[in-house]
Amino acid sequence: MRRKSWLTKKKNVLRELIKQGKPTIGTHVHSIWPGVAEVIGHSGTIDYVEFVATYAPYNLFSLEDFGRAIDLFDHMTSMMKLDQDQKIFQSERAFGSGIQNLLFSHIRTVDDAKEAVAGMRAETPDSGGLAGASSTRDMGYVFPDVELQDFVKSTQDGVVALMIEKKSAVDNLEEILSVPGIDMVQFGGGDYSMNIGVFGDYPHPDVKKAETYVIETCIKNGVRPRIEIENWEDAKPYMDKGVIDFSIGNDLVTVYKYCQEQGEKLAKLLS
């Protein structure tokens, strides 16, 4: 008798919201401590927690514990931002740990986009994917005892998001968005500004022009553009452009701003 695995128990909240055409709210974390994920889950306001693995240390044990913490909340799922190297390895380890959605950084070409989609999907005759069945957490650690159809479906439900942050990617955006299986795009102003030589000048006309182009082109091609914001008030101008997907704040910036503001006021009081 086949048993039920994690695959059949945990719905992909982000995929369901996208299917229904509803807005989504994510947040970033650098800390993969499960307690942080639980605190966010208890807030009841966040649809998915994105672990930015491109910027933070982690090990494979911590990925599984992060996945378990997310599973405590039916209203919430997770995402992992992957490095440009070893993206296939990271894809399989993240998904195998129970992280249902993936954000691929440093996309430059159509081939990069195709590789990203393939890294998420199971390797079947029709998918063009690269992921194989394995004895990982998502399979209940004993995959012959689990229906492989469940594994295939879960990889199809996984949301594939791309960072469009290089000039070459912006220049070839229409072609990149034509790759089947791309669900969401995030414009990266930091990398883009550096890529065109204006180094962190986010308000620069060329950076803002590229951001607007990415948003409009994604909407035209049926791909959801996501915007990173620091405060909820920042969402309105993007909503006016048709954006309904946002990632708000991150743990380190929140701690930094709190310490900066409150510490400065307390220091003045004490002096």
C-alpha atoms as a PDB file:
ATOM      1  CA  MET A   1       0.000   0.000   0.000  1.00  0.00           C
ATOM      2  CA  ARG A   2       1.396   3.376  -1.025  1.00  0.00           C
ATOM      3  CA  ARG A   3       1.537   5.986   1.715  1.00  0.00           C
ATOM      4  CA  LYS A   4       0.873   9.703   1.562  1.00  0.00           C
ATOM      5  CA  SER A   5       4.020  11.820   1.386  1.00  0.00           C
ATOM      6  CA  TRP A   6       4.662  15.499   1.961  1.00  0.00           C
ATOM      7  CA  LEU A   7       3.893  15.969  -1.738  1.00  0.00           C
ATOM      8  CA  THR A   8       0.220  15.113  -1.276  1.00  0.00           C
ATOM      9  CA  LYS A   9      -0.187  17.012   1.991  1.00  0.00           C
ATOM     10  CA  LYS A  10       1.267  20.446   1.228  1.00  0.00           C
ATOM     11  CA  LYS A  11      -0.477  22.598  -1.374  1.00  0.00           C
ATOM     12  CA  ASN A  12       1.534  25.257  -3.174  1.00  0.00           C
ATOM     13  CA  VAL A  13      -0.117  28.467  -2.008  1.00  0.00           C
ATOM     14  CA  LEU A  14       1.775  30.639  -4.482  1.00  0.00           C
ATOM     15  CA  ARG A  15       0.735  28.480  -7.434  1.00  0.00           C
ATOM     16  CA  GLU A  16      -2.895  28.512  -6.282  1.00  0.00           C
ATOM     17  CA  LEU A  17      -2.951  32.307  -6.009  1.00  0.00           C
ATOM     18  CA  ILE A  18      -1.410  32.672  -9.469  1.00  0.00           C
ATOM     19  CA  LYS A  19      -3.957  30.259 -10.947  1.00  0.00           C
ATOM     20  CA  GLN A  20      -6.758  32.313  -9.421  1.00  0.00           C
ATOM     21  CA  GLY A  21      -5.309  35.599 -10.664  1.00  0.00           C
ATOM     22  CA  LYS A  22      -4.990  36.912  -7.109  1.00  0.00           C
ATOM     23  CA  PRO A  23      -2.285  39.192  -5.665  1.00  0.00           C
ATOM     24  CA  THR A  24       0.671  37.697  -3.803  1.00  0.00           C
ATOM     25  CA  ILE A  25       2.792  38.985  -0.935  1.00  0.00           C
ATOM     26  CA  GLY A  26       6.243  37.626  -0.144  1.00  0.00           C
ATOM     27  CA  THR A  27       9.085  38.668   2.113  1.00  0.00           C
ATOM     28  CA  HIS A  28      12.833  38.001   2.104  1.00  0.00           C
ATOM     29  CA  VAL A  29      14.901  36.374   4.831  1.00  0.00           C
ATOM     30  CA  HIS A  30      18.655  36.004   5.132  1.00  0.00           C
ATOM     31  CA  SER A  31      18.324  33.935   8.284  1.00  0.00           C
ATOM     32  CA  ILE A  32      17.177  30.390   7.680  1.00  0.00           C
ATOM     33  CA  TRP A  33      16.550  29.819  11.407  1.00  0.00           C
ATOM     34  CA  PRO A  34      13.114  28.126  11.538  1.00  0.00           C
ATOM     35  CA  GLY A  35      12.013  30.534  14.271  1.00  0.00           C
ATOM     36  CA  VAL A  36      12.113  33.432  11.821  1.00  0.00           C
ATOM     37  CA  ALA A  37       9.870  31.542   9.407  1.00  0.00           C
ATOM     38  CA  GLU A  38       7.469  30.726  12.242  1.00  0.00           C
ATOM     39  CA  VAL A  39       7.247  34.351  13.376  1.00  0.00           C
ATOM     40  CA  ILE A  40       6.408  35.391   9.823  1.00  0.00           C
ATOM     41  CA  GLY A  41       3.817  32.625   9.599  1.00  0.00           C
ATOM     42  CA  HIS A  42       2.163  33.733  12.834  1.00  0.00           C
ATOM     43  CA  SER A  43       1.701  37.216  11.343  1.00  0.00           C
ATOM     44  CA  GLY A  44      -0.882  35.668   9.015  1.00  0.00           C
ATOM     45  CA  THR A  45      -0.180  38.188   6.250  1.00  0.00           C
ATOM     46  CA  ILE A  46       2.559  36.642   4.097  1.00  0.00           C
ATOM     47  CA  ASP A  47       1.922  34.160   1.268  1.00  0.00           C
ATOM     48  CA  TYR A  48       5.518  32.995   0.865  1.00  0.00           C
ATOM     49  CA  VAL A  49       8.897  33.428   2.529  1.00  0.00           C
ATOM     50  CA  GLU A  50      11.872  33.762   0.187  1.00  0.00           C
ATOM     51  CA  PHE A  51      15.225  32.578   1.502  1.00  0.00           C
ATOM     52  CA  VAL A  52      17.851  34.585  -0.364  1.00  0.00           C
ATOM     53  CA  ALA A  53      20.485  31.867  -0.552  1.00  0.00           C
ATOM     54  CA  THR A  54      22.560  34.030  -2.900  1.00  0.00           C
ATOM     55  CA  TYR A  55      23.488  36.262   0.048  1.00  0.00           C
ATOM     56  CA  ALA A  56      23.396  34.080   3.150  1.00  0.00           C
ATOM     57  CA  PRO A  57      25.125  30.967   4.523  1.00  0.00           C
ATOM     58  CA  TYR A  58      23.217  27.719   4.921  1.00  0.00           C
ATOM     59  CA  ASN A  59      23.639  23.966   4.875  1.00  0.00           C
ATOM     60  CA  LEU A  60      21.430  21.143   3.658  1.00  0.00           C
ATOM     61  CA  PHE A  61      20.153  20.350   7.155  1.00  0.00           C
ATOM     62  CA  SER A  62      18.964  23.954   7.578  1.00  0.00           C
ATOM     63  CA  LEU A  63      17.043  23.795   4.277  1.00  0.00           C
ATOM     64  CA  GLU A  64      14.979  20.870   5.561  1.00  0.00           C
ATOM     65  CA  ASP A  65      14.288  22.589   8.887  1.00  0.00           C
ATOM     66  CA  PHE A  66      13.219  25.733   7.041  1.00  0.00           C
ATOM     67  CA  GLY A  67      10.837  23.596   4.966  1.00  0.00           C
ATOM     68  CA  ARG A  68       9.377  22.039   8.122  1.00  0.00           C
ATOM     69  CA  ALA A  69       8.769  25.453   9.688  1.00  0.00           C
ATOM     70  CA  ILE A  70       6.921  26.653   6.585  1.00  0.00           C
ATOM     71  CA  ASP A  71       4.764  23.506   6.684  1.00  0.00           C
ATOM     72  CA  LEU A  72       3.285  24.593  10.015  1.00  0.00           C
ATOM     73  CA  PHE A  73       1.193  27.179   8.143  1.00  0.00           C
ATOM     74  CA  ASP A  74      -1.410  26.223   5.573  1.00  0.00           C
ATOM     75  CA  HIS A  75      -1.592  29.790   4.243  1.00  0.00           C
ATOM     76  CA  MET A  76       2.118  30.034   3.458  1.00  0.00           C
ATOM     77  CA  THR A  77       4.726  28.511   1.150  1.00  0.00           C
ATOM     78  CA  SER A  78       8.383  29.218   0.412  1.00  0.00           C
ATOM     79  CA  MET A  79      10.840  30.239  -2.281  1.00  0.00           C
ATOM     80  CA  MET A  80      14.619  30.096  -2.577  1.00  0.00           C
ATOM     81  CA  LYS A  81      16.785  32.483  -4.573  1.00  0.00           C
ATOM     82  CA  LEU A  82      19.561  30.489  -6.223  1.00  0.00           C
ATOM     83  CA  ASP A  83      23.115  31.349  -7.195  1.00  0.00           C
ATOM     84  CA  GLN A  84      24.077  31.483 -10.859  1.00  0.00           C
ATOM     85  CA  ASP A  85      26.506  28.571 -10.477  1.00  0.00           C
ATOM     86  CA  GLN A  86      25.322  25.106  -9.422  1.00  0.00           C
ATOM     87  CA  LYS A  87      21.717  26.147  -9.985  1.00  0.00           C
ATOM     88  CA  ILE A  88      20.626  22.615 -10.912  1.00  0.00           C
ATOM     89  CA  PHE A  89      22.162  21.159  -7.744  1.00  0.00           C
ATOM     90  CA  GLN A  90      20.581  23.886  -5.627  1.00  0.00           C
ATOM     91  CA  SER A  91      17.227  23.443  -7.365  1.00  0.00           C
ATOM     92  CA  GLU A  92      17.072  19.750  -6.536  1.00  0.00           C
ATOM     93  CA  ARG A  93      18.245  20.214  -2.954  1.00  0.00           C
ATOM     94  CA  ALA A  94      15.832  23.089  -2.306  1.00  0.00           C
ATOM     95  CA  PHE A  95      12.839  21.313  -3.787  1.00  0.00           C
ATOM     96  CA  GLY A  96      13.802  18.080  -2.088  1.00  0.00           C
ATOM     97  CA  SER A  97      13.791  19.933   1.236  1.00  0.00           C
ATOM     98  CA  GLY A  98      10.222  21.111   0.716  1.00  0.00           C
ATOM     99  CA  ILE A  99      10.898  24.567  -0.756  1.00  0.00           C
ATOM    100  CA  GLN A 100       8.250  24.648  -3.456  1.00  0.00           C
ATOM    101  CA  ASN A 101       9.227  27.648  -5.599  1.00  0.00           C
ATOM    102  CA  LEU A 102      12.522  28.862  -7.061  1.00  0.00           C
ATOM    103  CA  LEU A 103      13.953  32.235  -8.086  1.00  0.00           C
ATOM    104  CA  PHE A 104      16.866  32.034 -10.527  1.00  0.00           C
ATOM    105  CA  SER A 105      19.383  34.880 -10.487  1.00  0.00           C
ATOM    106  CA  HIS A 106      21.680  36.304 -13.185  1.00  0.00           C
ATOM    107  CA  ILE A 107      19.584  35.316 -16.188  1.00  0.00           C
ATOM    108  CA  ARG A 108      21.301  36.565 -19.344  1.00  0.00           C
ATOM    109  CA  THR A 109      20.063  34.476 -22.263  1.00  0.00           C
ATOM    110  CA  VAL A 110      17.215  32.322 -23.490  1.00  0.00           C
ATOM    111  CA  ASP A 111      19.317  29.263 -22.696  1.00  0.00           C
ATOM    112  CA  ASP A 112      19.625  30.452 -19.085  1.00  0.00           C
ATOM    113  CA  ALA A 113      15.834  30.692 -18.879  1.00  0.00           C
ATOM    114  CA  LYS A 114      15.394  27.228 -20.361  1.00  0.00           C
ATOM    115  CA  GLU A 115      17.871  25.786 -17.877  1.00  0.00           C
ATOM    116  CA  ALA A 116      15.992  27.418 -14.999  1.00  0.00           C
ATOM    117  CA  VAL A 117      12.689  25.853 -16.018  1.00  0.00           C
ATOM    118  CA  ALA A 118      14.387  22.492 -16.567  1.00  0.00           C
ATOM    119  CA  GLY A 119      15.904  22.674 -13.095  1.00  0.00           C
ATOM    120  CA  MET A 120      12.450  22.831 -11.552  1.00  0.00           C
ATOM    121  CA  ARG A 121      10.652  20.185 -13.654  1.00  0.00           C
ATOM    122  CA  ALA A 122      10.794  16.404 -13.388  1.00  0.00           C
ATOM    123  CA  GLU A 123      12.509  14.631 -16.267  1.00  0.00           C
ATOM    124  CA  THR A 124       9.633  13.144 -18.264  1.00  0.00           C
ATOM    125  CA  PRO A 125       9.110  12.656 -22.033  1.00  0.00           C
ATOM    126  CA  ASP A 126       7.124  15.892 -22.279  1.00  0.00           C
ATOM    127  CA  SER A 127       8.604  18.225 -19.660  1.00  0.00           C
ATOM    128  CA  GLY A 128      12.164  18.795 -20.815  1.00  0.00           C
ATOM    129  CA  GLY A 129      13.037  18.794 -17.112  1.00  0.00           C
ATOM    130  CA  LEU A 130      16.170  17.588 -15.365  1.00  0.00           C
ATOM    131  CA  ALA A 131      14.930  16.614 -11.891  1.00  0.00           C
ATOM    132  CA  GLY A 132      14.877  12.936 -11.001  1.00  0.00           C
ATOM    133  CA  ALA A 133      13.131  10.970  -8.282  1.00  0.00           C
ATOM    134  CA  SER A 134      15.190  10.801  -5.106  1.00  0.00           C
ATOM    135  CA  SER A 135      15.037   9.771  -1.462  1.00  0.00           C
ATOM    136  CA  THR A 136      14.563  13.301  -0.158  1.00  0.00           C
ATOM    137  CA  ARG A 137      12.128  14.955   2.222  1.00  0.00           C
ATOM    138  CA  ASP A 138       9.536  15.725  -0.439  1.00  0.00           C
ATOM    139  CA  MET A 139       9.438  12.028  -1.325  1.00  0.00           C
ATOM    140  CA  GLY A 140       9.152  10.930   2.292  1.00  0.00           C
ATOM    141  CA  TYR A 141      12.794   9.776   2.120  1.00  0.00           C
ATOM    142  CA  VAL A 142      11.694   6.418   0.669  1.00  0.00           C
ATOM    143  CA  PHE A 143      10.616   7.244  -2.876  1.00  0.00           C
ATOM    144  CA  PRO A 144       9.633   3.741  -4.082  1.00  0.00           C
ATOM    145  CA  ASP A 145       6.846   3.886  -1.498  1.00  0.00           C
ATOM    146  CA  VAL A 146       5.397   7.111  -2.957  1.00  0.00           C
ATOM    147  CA  GLU A 147       3.481   7.696  -6.186  1.00  0.00           C
ATOM    148  CA  LEU A 148       5.878   9.242  -8.690  1.00  0.00           C
ATOM    149  CA  GLN A 149       2.931  10.976 -10.348  1.00  0.00           C
ATOM    150  CA  ASP A 150       2.704  13.119  -7.194  1.00  0.00           C
ATOM    151  CA  PHE A 151       6.346  14.115  -7.596  1.00  0.00           C
ATOM    152  CA  VAL A 152       5.879  15.035 -11.250  1.00  0.00           C
ATOM    153  CA  LYS A 153       2.805  17.148 -10.463  1.00  0.00           C
ATOM    154  CA  SER A 154       4.545  18.959  -7.624  1.00  0.00           C
ATOM    155  CA  THR A 155       7.413  19.974  -9.917  1.00  0.00           C
ATOM    156  CA  GLN A 156       4.879  21.242 -12.448  1.00  0.00           C
ATOM    157  CA  ASP A 157       3.169  23.264  -9.715  1.00  0.00           C
ATOM    158  CA  GLY A 158       6.441  24.816  -8.611  1.00  0.00           C
ATOM    159  CA  VAL A 159       6.641  28.498  -9.528  1.00  0.00           C
ATOM    160  CA  VAL A 160       9.649  29.459 -11.660  1.00  0.00           C
ATOM    161  CA  ALA A 161      10.726  33.067 -11.162  1.00  0.00           C
ATOM    162  CA  LEU A 162      13.579  34.801 -12.974  1.00  0.00           C
ATOM    163  CA  MET A 163      15.742  37.769 -12.057  1.00  0.00           C
ATOM    164  CA  ILE A 164      15.927  40.086 -15.064  1.00  0.00           C
ATOM    165  CA  GLU A 165      18.866  42.214 -14.006  1.00  0.00           C
ATOM    166  CA  LYS A 166      21.331  42.159 -16.902  1.00  0.00           C
ATOM    167  CA  LYS A 167      21.232  44.400 -19.959  1.00  0.00           C
ATOM    168  CA  SER A 168      21.368  41.369 -22.233  1.00  0.00           C
ATOM    169  CA  ALA A 169      18.292  39.930 -20.520  1.00  0.00           C
ATOM    170  CA  VAL A 170      16.361  43.184 -20.873  1.00  0.00           C
ATOM    171  CA  ASP A 171      17.400  43.459 -24.517  1.00  0.00           C
ATOM    172  CA  ASN A 172      16.177  39.901 -25.207  1.00  0.00           C
ATOM    173  CA  LEU A 173      13.219  39.926 -22.825  1.00  0.00           C
ATOM    174  CA  GLU A 174      10.536  39.041 -25.363  1.00  0.00           C
ATOM    175  CA  GLU A 175      12.436  35.930 -26.397  1.00  0.00           C
ATOM    176  CA  ILE A 176      13.168  34.942 -22.798  1.00  0.00           C
ATOM    177  CA  LEU A 177       9.513  35.288 -21.821  1.00  0.00           C
ATOM    178  CA  SER A 178       8.537  33.004 -24.700  1.00  0.00           C
ATOM    179  CA  VAL A 179      10.153  30.061 -22.869  1.00  0.00           C
ATOM    180  CA  PRO A 180       7.293  27.870 -21.564  1.00  0.00           C
ATOM    181  CA  GLY A 181       7.114  27.521 -17.792  1.00  0.00           C
ATOM    182  CA  ILE A 182       8.198  30.985 -16.651  1.00  0.00           C
ATOM    183  CA  ASP A 183       5.693  32.282 -14.095  1.00  0.00           C
ATOM    184  CA  MET A 184       7.193  35.398 -12.556  1.00  0.00           C
ATOM    185  CA  VAL A 185       9.904  37.984 -13.208  1.00  0.00           C
ATOM    186  CA  GLN A 186      11.724  40.304 -10.810  1.00  0.00           C
ATOM    187  CA  PHE A 187      13.611  43.293 -12.212  1.00  0.00           C
ATOM    188  CA  GLY A 188      16.933  43.752 -10.411  1.00  0.00           C
ATOM    189  CA  GLY A 189      17.796  47.427 -10.284  1.00  0.00           C
ATOM    190  CA  GLY A 190      21.077  46.944  -8.432  1.00  0.00           C
ATOM    191  CA  ASP A 191      22.667  44.581 -10.924  1.00  0.00           C
ATOM    192  CA  TYR A 192      21.143  46.397 -13.888  1.00  0.00           C
ATOM    193  CA  SER A 193      22.522  49.761 -12.782  1.00  0.00           C
ATOM    194  CA  MET A 194      25.949  48.190 -12.321  1.00  0.00           C
ATOM    195  CA  ASN A 195      25.649  46.391 -15.659  1.00  0.00           C
ATOM    196  CA  ILE A 196      25.085  49.651 -17.555  1.00  0.00           C
ATOM    197  CA  GLY A 197      27.692  51.604 -15.581  1.00  0.00           C
ATOM    198  CA  VAL A 198      25.578  53.820 -13.320  1.00  0.00           C
ATOM    199  CA  PHE A 199      26.462  51.823 -10.172  1.00  0.00           C
ATOM    200  CA  GLY A 200      23.549  51.872  -7.722  1.00  0.00           C
ATOM    201  CA  ASP A 201      21.820  54.932  -9.167  1.00  0.00           C
ATOM    202  CA  TYR A 202      18.353  53.405  -8.911  1.00  0.00           C
ATOM    203  CA  PRO A 203      16.460  56.594  -9.925  1.00  0.00           C
ATOM    204  CA  HIS A 204      18.600  56.941 -13.065  1.00  0.00           C
ATOM    205  CA  PRO A 205      16.341  57.416 -16.112  1.00  0.00           C
ATOM    206  CA  ASP A 206      17.833  54.403 -17.888  1.00  0.00           C
ATOM    207  CA  VAL A 207      17.225  52.156 -14.876  1.00  0.00           C
ATOM    208  CA  LYS A 208      13.633  53.335 -14.428  1.00  0.00           C
ATOM    209  CA  LYS A 209      13.027  53.000 -18.163  1.00  0.00           C
ATOM    210  CA  ALA A 210      14.253  49.402 -18.087  1.00  0.00           C
ATOM    211  CA  GLU A 211      12.098  48.617 -15.050  1.00  0.00           C
ATOM    212  CA  THR A 212       8.990  50.007 -16.747  1.00  0.00           C
ATOM    213  CA  TYR A 213       9.797  48.093 -19.917  1.00  0.00           C
ATOM    214  CA  VAL A 214      10.157  44.840 -17.975  1.00  0.00           C
ATOM    215  CA  ILE A 215       6.830  45.371 -16.198  1.00  0.00           C
ATOM    216  CA  GLU A 216       4.942  46.240 -19.376  1.00  0.00           C
ATOM    217  CA  THR A 217       6.513  43.441 -21.407  1.00  0.00           C
ATOM    218  CA  CYS A 218       5.800  40.832 -18.742  1.00  0.00           C
ATOM    219  CA  ILE A 219       2.149  41.843 -18.481  1.00  0.00           C
ATOM    220  CA  LYS A 220       1.807  41.824 -22.270  1.00  0.00           C
ATOM    221  CA  ASN A 221       3.245  38.295 -22.409  1.00  0.00           C
ATOM    222  CA  GLY A 222       1.197  36.879 -19.540  1.00  0.00           C
ATOM    223  CA  VAL A 223       4.092  36.616 -17.073  1.00  0.00           C
ATOM    224  CA  ARG A 224       3.652  38.108 -13.604  1.00  0.00           C
ATOM    225  CA  PRO A 225       6.077  40.958 -12.779  1.00  0.00           C
ATOM    226  CA  ARG A 226       7.028  41.078  -9.106  1.00  0.00           C
ATOM    227  CA  ILE A 227       8.320  44.198  -7.390  1.00  0.00           C
ATOM    228  CA  GLU A 228      10.452  44.432  -4.252  1.00  0.00           C
ATOM    229  CA  ILE A 229       9.378  47.226  -1.897  1.00  0.00           C
ATOM    230  CA  GLU A 230      10.381  48.357   1.587  1.00  0.00           C
ATOM    231  CA  ASN A 231       7.051  49.842   2.705  1.00  0.00           C
ATOM    232  CA  TRP A 232       3.460  49.131   1.780  1.00  0.00           C
ATOM    233  CA  GLU A 233       2.992  52.699   0.523  1.00  0.00           C
ATOM    234  CA  ASP A 234       5.538  52.001  -2.210  1.00  0.00           C
ATOM    235  CA  ALA A 235       3.150  49.560  -3.910  1.00  0.00           C
ATOM    236  CA  LYS A 236       0.608  52.034  -5.277  1.00  0.00           C
ATOM    237  CA  PRO A 237       2.613  53.409  -8.261  1.00  0.00           C
ATOM    238  CA  TYR A 238       3.309  49.850  -9.401  1.00  0.00           C
ATOM    239  CA  MET A 239      -0.297  48.796  -8.893  1.00  0.00           C
ATOM    240  CA  ASP A 240      -1.264  51.610 -11.261  1.00  0.00           C
ATOM    241  CA  LYS A 241       0.930  49.847 -13.862  1.00  0.00           C
ATOM    242  CA  GLY A 242      -0.863  46.541 -13.312  1.00  0.00           C
ATOM    243  CA  VAL A 243       1.477  44.881 -10.801  1.00  0.00           C
ATOM    244  CA  ILE A 244      -0.158  42.683  -8.142  1.00  0.00           C
ATOM    245  CA  ASP A 245       2.852  40.693  -6.909  1.00  0.00           C
ATOM    246  CA  PHE A 246       5.127  42.193  -4.263  1.00  0.00           C
ATOM    247  CA  SER A 247       7.926  41.167  -1.956  1.00  0.00           C
ATOM    248  CA  ILE A 248       8.062  43.492   1.009  1.00  0.00           C
ATOM    249  CA  GLY A 249      11.098  44.042   3.204  1.00  0.00           C
ATOM    250  CA  ASN A 250      13.696  41.659   4.555  1.00  0.00           C
ATOM    251  CA  ASP A 251      14.866  40.625   7.981  1.00  0.00           C
ATOM    252  CA  LEU A 252      18.266  42.336   7.982  1.00  0.00           C
ATOM    253  CA  VAL A 253      16.994  45.698   6.737  1.00  0.00           C
ATOM    254  CA  THR A 254      14.201  45.623   9.318  1.00  0.00           C
ATOM    255  CA  VAL A 255      16.659  44.981  12.166  1.00  0.00           C
ATOM    256  CA  TYR A 256      19.099  47.581  10.813  1.00  0.00           C
ATOM    257  CA  LYS A 257      16.495  50.330  10.510  1.00  0.00           C
ATOM    258  CA  TYR A 258      15.044  49.589  13.922  1.00  0.00           C
ATOM    259  CA  CYS A 259      18.449  49.734  15.605  1.00  0.00           C
ATOM    260  CA  GLN A 260      19.443  52.830  13.671  1.00  0.00           C
ATOM    261  CA  GLU A 261      16.281  54.788  14.466  1.00  0.00           C
ATOM    262  CA  GLN A 262      15.648  53.649  18.020  1.00  0.00           C
ATOM    263  CA  GLY A 263      19.317  53.578  18.989  1.00  0.00           C
ATOM    264  CA  GLU A 264      19.856  57.116  17.735  1.00  0.00           C
ATOM    265  CA  LYS A 265      16.847  58.433  19.662  1.00  0.00           C
ATOM    266  CA  LEU A 266      17.874  56.640  22.831  1.00  0.00           C
ATOM    267  CA  ALA A 267      21.464  57.934  22.490  1.00  0.00           C
ATOM    268  CA  LYS A 268      20.151  61.519  22.201  1.00  0.00           C
ATOM    269  CA  LEU A 269      17.964  61.028  25.242  1.00  0.00           C
ATOM    270  CA  LEU A 270      20.872  59.683  27.262  1.00  0.00           C
ATOM    271  CA  SER A 271      23.156  62.574  26.219  1.00  0.00           C
END
